[in-house]
């Protein structure tokens, strides 16, 4: 048959003999395989009683009760330290903050940007959900190119006239010449206006999360 502890006691400190310390628990109250759980500012310590240990005290691993004159010791079995410092901020896929955390309200409707150096900061002025809330697709406005905006160029034209100076007598022939007009156009740039926004059909998927800080 398995052997179970006959009693579990609590403490709020490890050594020093003060009220709530593990080593303040009277030896008479510590039977073989009894357990002691100490909840301190550093974490949670779990001890079991070994009546024949006789090892030197080495807190937090081995604790000798203050009134012990023989070999009884409290042996550390497990230590659980908080993985997060107070004030640590993290994201959770929950609607409410988990136990030991407080929900942040100043990160609402913010996109997250991974920052590699320096101190973190925030900025921007547009709710990221509103960026894809427009119902119209993007459209480009029409633009009429002015002379100053078109590339510099000329036009070729042909002029024909009769070979005789007095009209078009029988047997007269045509004399034709090809000419170029003066160049025009400034080669300047131009732009187009944009209207509308991203269609809801093209909005990216998103997952809502909360931010919370460690108490």
Foldseek 3Di string as FASTA:
>chain_A
DDDAAPEEEEAADDDDLDPRHPLVPDPVPADAQYWYWYQYPFFIWIWGKDQAQQDDDDPPAWAHRPPDPHRIIIGTDDTDGDPDDFFDKDKFLDPADDPQKHFDDVCPQHDDDDDDDDDDDDDDDDRVVVQAVWADDKDWDDDDADQQQDDKDKDKDKDKDWPDDPDDDPPIDIDMDIDIDDITGNNRDDGIDMDTHHHNVPDDDDRDITMIGGD
